[in-house]
Structures are given as C-alpha cells and as structure tokens.
Amino acid sequence: MAVAAGGKRVSVHLADQDAKILIMVLNHQTGEQDDAGPVPAEVAVLRTVDACGTHTDHDGHAWWAPLDDPPRPKKHLT
C-alpha cells in the first residue's frame, strides 16, 4: 500500500515498544495527500499483530503495527 500510494520514497522502521516489536512503514510525500486508508486486511488478521493503524500528516502516510512477540536478546558472538 505504501508503494502504491506514491510519494518520493518509502521507509520501514523497526523499534522496541513496551516489549513488543513495532513496525512502521512511512510513505514520504510532500504537499496535499489523501488519507492513508485502512491497514491492509492481510496485516490486521495476523495472529502476532497486537493492534494496527494508520495516520497522515505533513510528511505523508504511516502504517504501523506492534507485534505481540517480545524482541529476542542479541546473540553474543564469540
């Protein structure tokens, strides 16, 4: 959806939020744009998706979903 909505670039961000993995996809646009629309149904129905949503602001569209699966600790290389 982010690519199909146009814009000058798309970026994917991962973060640790409240012991969950937060995935955010940003569609960077300038000027006037339509609403981001709903989160794709294929994402909303995934078992690990705790919640999901969208928003539109001056930078473009954002689709987000925290996964109900805690991030794993880093493996230590020896």
N, C-alpha and C. Protein backbone atom coordinates (compact mmCIF):
# COMPACT_ATOMS: atom_id res chain seq x y z
N MET A 1 0.82 -1.19 0.00
CA MET A 1 0.00 0.00 0.00
C MET A 1 0.86 1.25 0.00
N ALA A 2 1.95 1.23 0.74
CA ALA A 2 2.81 2.40 0.82
C ALA A 2 3.40 2.74 -0.54
N VAL A 3 3.82 1.75 -1.27
CA VAL A 3 4.40 1.98 -2.60
C VAL A 3 3.31 2.42 -3.57
N ALA A 4 2.16 1.78 -3.53
CA ALA A 4 1.08 2.12 -4.45
C ALA A 4 0.54 3.52 -4.23
N ALA A 5 0.68 4.06 -3.02
CA ALA A 5 0.16 5.40 -2.72
C ALA A 5 1.05 6.50 -3.28
N GLY A 6 2.20 6.15 -3.84
CA GLY A 6 3.09 7.15 -4.43
C GLY A 6 3.99 7.79 -3.40
N GLY A 7 4.54 8.93 -3.74
CA GLY A 7 5.45 9.61 -2.84
C GLY A 7 6.88 9.54 -3.33
N LYS A 8 7.74 10.26 -2.66
CA LYS A 8 9.13 10.31 -3.12
C LYS A 8 9.97 9.14 -2.61
N ARG A 9 9.57 8.50 -1.51
CA ARG A 9 10.26 7.30 -1.02
C ARG A 9 9.41 6.61 0.05
N VAL A 10 9.74 5.36 0.31
CA VAL A 10 9.08 4.57 1.35
C VAL A 10 10.18 4.09 2.29
N SER A 11 9.93 4.15 3.59
CA SER A 11 10.90 3.65 4.55
C SER A 11 10.19 2.75 5.56
N VAL A 12 10.94 1.76 6.06
CA VAL A 12 10.44 0.81 7.04
C VAL A 12 11.26 1.00 8.31
N HIS A 13 10.57 1.15 9.44
CA HIS A 13 11.24 1.37 10.72
C HIS A 13 10.83 0.27 11.69
N LEU A 14 11.79 -0.24 12.44
CA LEU A 14 11.54 -1.23 13.48
C LEU A 14 11.99 -0.66 14.81
N ALA A 15 11.21 -0.91 15.85
CA ALA A 15 11.56 -0.40 17.18
C ALA A 15 11.05 -1.36 18.24
N ASP A 16 11.59 -1.21 19.45
CA ASP A 16 11.14 -1.95 20.62
C ASP A 16 10.22 -1.00 21.39
N GLN A 17 8.95 -1.37 21.50
CA GLN A 17 7.99 -0.51 22.21
C GLN A 17 7.20 -1.36 23.19
N ASP A 18 7.34 -1.08 24.47
CA ASP A 18 6.62 -1.81 25.51
C ASP A 18 6.83 -3.32 25.38
N ALA A 19 8.08 -3.72 25.15
CA ALA A 19 8.46 -5.13 25.00
C ALA A 19 7.77 -5.80 23.81
N LYS A 20 7.45 -5.02 22.80
CA LYS A 20 6.88 -5.55 21.56
C LYS A 20 7.69 -4.98 20.40
N ILE A 21 7.60 -5.63 19.27
CA ILE A 21 8.27 -5.14 18.07
C ILE A 21 7.30 -4.23 17.32
N LEU A 22 7.67 -2.98 17.17
CA LEU A 22 6.85 -2.01 16.44
C LEU A 22 7.37 -1.90 15.02
N ILE A 23 6.50 -2.12 14.06
CA ILE A 23 6.83 -1.97 12.65
C ILE A 23 6.06 -0.77 12.13
N MET A 24 6.76 0.16 11.49
CA MET A 24 6.11 1.33 10.91
C MET A 24 6.62 1.51 9.49
N VAL A 25 5.71 1.67 8.56
CA VAL A 25 6.05 1.92 7.16
C VAL A 25 5.60 3.33 6.84
N LEU A 26 6.54 4.14 6.37
CA LEU A 26 6.24 5.54 6.04
C LEU A 26 6.32 5.74 4.54
N ASN A 27 5.36 6.45 4.03
CA ASN A 27 5.32 6.84 2.63
C ASN A 27 5.54 8.36 2.62
N HIS A 28 6.74 8.79 2.30
CA HIS A 28 7.10 10.20 2.38
C HIS A 28 6.55 10.95 1.17
N GLN A 29 5.71 11.94 1.44
CA GLN A 29 5.11 12.75 0.39
C GLN A 29 5.23 14.22 0.77
N THR A 30 5.09 15.05 -0.20
CA THR A 30 5.06 16.49 0.06
C THR A 30 3.75 17.05 -0.47
N GLY A 31 3.29 18.11 0.12
CA GLY A 31 2.06 18.74 -0.33
C GLY A 31 0.83 18.00 0.15
N GLU A 32 -0.26 18.23 -0.55
CA GLU A 32 -1.55 17.63 -0.19
C GLU A 32 -1.58 16.15 -0.56
N GLN A 33 -2.12 15.33 0.33
CA GLN A 33 -2.30 13.92 0.03
C GLN A 33 -3.60 13.44 0.65
N ASP A 34 -4.13 12.38 0.09
CA ASP A 34 -5.34 11.77 0.64
C ASP A 34 -5.02 11.07 1.94
N ASP A 35 -6.06 10.61 2.62
CA ASP A 35 -5.91 9.83 3.85
C ASP A 35 -5.14 8.55 3.55
N ALA A 36 -4.41 8.04 4.51
CA ALA A 36 -3.62 6.82 4.33
C ALA A 36 -4.49 5.60 4.07
N GLY A 37 -5.73 5.63 4.49
CA GLY A 37 -6.62 4.48 4.30
C GLY A 37 -6.39 3.44 5.38
N PRO A 38 -7.13 2.36 5.34
CA PRO A 38 -7.03 1.34 6.38
C PRO A 38 -5.76 0.51 6.25
N VAL A 39 -5.41 -0.15 7.33
CA VAL A 39 -4.32 -1.12 7.30
C VAL A 39 -4.78 -2.29 6.44
N PRO A 40 -3.92 -2.83 5.59
CA PRO A 40 -4.33 -3.98 4.77
C PRO A 40 -4.85 -5.13 5.64
N ALA A 41 -5.92 -5.76 5.20
CA ALA A 41 -6.53 -6.86 5.95
C ALA A 41 -5.54 -8.00 6.19
N GLU A 42 -4.60 -8.22 5.25
CA GLU A 42 -3.62 -9.29 5.41
C GLU A 42 -2.74 -9.05 6.63
N VAL A 43 -2.55 -7.79 7.02
CA VAL A 43 -1.75 -7.46 8.19
C VAL A 43 -2.62 -7.52 9.45
N ALA A 44 -3.80 -6.94 9.38
CA ALA A 44 -4.67 -6.84 10.55
C ALA A 44 -5.07 -8.19 11.13
N VAL A 45 -5.15 -9.22 10.31
CA VAL A 45 -5.60 -10.53 10.80
C VAL A 45 -4.47 -11.44 11.27
N LEU A 46 -3.21 -11.00 11.15
CA LEU A 46 -2.11 -11.83 11.59
C LEU A 46 -2.18 -12.07 13.09
N ARG A 47 -1.89 -13.27 13.51
CA ARG A 47 -2.00 -13.65 14.92
C ARG A 47 -1.09 -12.83 15.83
N THR A 48 0.08 -12.43 15.35
CA THR A 48 1.02 -11.70 16.19
C THR A 48 0.77 -10.19 16.22
N VAL A 49 -0.14 -9.68 15.41
CA VAL A 49 -0.42 -8.24 15.40
C VAL A 49 -1.30 -7.91 16.59
N ASP A 50 -0.76 -7.09 17.50
CA ASP A 50 -1.47 -6.70 18.72
C ASP A 50 -2.49 -5.61 18.42
N ALA A 51 -2.15 -4.71 17.54
CA ALA A 51 -3.00 -3.59 17.12
C ALA A 51 -2.43 -3.10 15.80
N CYS A 52 -3.14 -2.24 15.12
CA CYS A 52 -2.59 -1.65 13.90
C CYS A 52 -3.37 -0.38 13.59
N GLY A 53 -2.76 0.46 12.79
CA GLY A 53 -3.43 1.70 12.44
C GLY A 53 -2.67 2.47 11.38
N THR A 54 -3.23 3.61 11.04
CA THR A 54 -2.62 4.49 10.04
C THR A 54 -2.80 5.93 10.49
N HIS A 55 -1.98 6.79 9.93
CA HIS A 55 -2.22 8.22 10.08
C HIS A 55 -1.56 8.95 8.93
N THR A 56 -2.01 10.16 8.71
CA THR A 56 -1.47 11.02 7.67
C THR A 56 -1.10 12.34 8.30
N ASP A 57 0.09 12.83 8.00
CA ASP A 57 0.50 14.15 8.50
C ASP A 57 1.26 14.88 7.40
N HIS A 58 1.97 15.92 7.74
CA HIS A 58 2.64 16.75 6.73
C HIS A 58 3.74 16.01 5.98
N ASP A 59 4.24 14.89 6.52
CA ASP A 59 5.29 14.12 5.85
C ASP A 59 4.75 13.03 4.94
N GLY A 60 3.48 12.70 5.07
CA GLY A 60 2.89 11.64 4.25
C GLY A 60 2.07 10.68 5.08
N HIS A 61 2.06 9.43 4.65
CA HIS A 61 1.26 8.39 5.29
C HIS A 61 2.14 7.50 6.17
N ALA A 62 1.53 6.92 7.19
CA ALA A 62 2.22 5.94 8.03
C ALA A 62 1.27 4.81 8.34
N TRP A 63 1.76 3.59 8.22
CA TRP A 63 1.04 2.39 8.62
C TRP A 63 1.87 1.76 9.72
N TRP A 64 1.26 1.36 10.84
CA TRP A 64 2.01 0.82 11.97
C TRP A 64 1.32 -0.39 12.57
N ALA A 65 2.13 -1.26 13.20
CA ALA A 65 1.60 -2.44 13.89
C ALA A 65 2.62 -2.92 14.91
N PRO A 66 2.26 -2.92 16.21
CA PRO A 66 3.12 -3.58 17.19
C PRO A 66 2.82 -5.08 17.19
N LEU A 67 3.85 -5.89 17.16
CA LEU A 67 3.68 -7.34 17.17
C LEU A 67 3.72 -7.85 18.60
N ASP A 68 2.77 -8.71 18.93
CA ASP A 68 2.69 -9.27 20.27
C ASP A 68 3.69 -10.41 20.41
N ASP A 69 4.93 -10.09 20.24
CA ASP A 69 6.03 -11.04 20.33
C ASP A 69 7.24 -10.24 20.80
N PRO A 70 7.73 -10.48 22.00
CA PRO A 70 8.83 -9.67 22.51
C PRO A 70 10.09 -9.81 21.67
N PRO A 71 10.86 -8.74 21.53
CA PRO A 71 12.13 -8.86 20.81
C PRO A 71 13.06 -9.83 21.53
N ARG A 72 13.80 -10.57 20.75
CA ARG A 72 14.75 -11.53 21.33
C ARG A 72 16.05 -10.81 21.69
N PRO A 73 16.71 -11.26 22.76
CA PRO A 73 18.01 -10.66 23.10
C PRO A 73 19.02 -10.92 21.99
N LYS A 74 19.98 -10.02 21.88
CA LYS A 74 21.04 -10.19 20.89
C LYS A 74 21.88 -11.41 21.23
N LYS A 75 22.32 -12.08 20.18
CA LYS A 75 23.24 -13.20 20.37
C LYS A 75 24.64 -12.63 20.50
N HIS A 76 25.38 -13.16 21.43
CA HIS A 76 26.75 -12.71 21.61
C HIS A 76 27.66 -13.57 20.74
N LEU A 77 28.41 -12.91 19.90
CA LEU A 77 29.36 -13.61 19.04
C LEU A 77 30.65 -13.84 19.81
N THR A 78 31.21 -15.01 19.66
CA THR A 78 32.45 -15.30 20.37
C THR A 78 33.61 -15.35 19.41
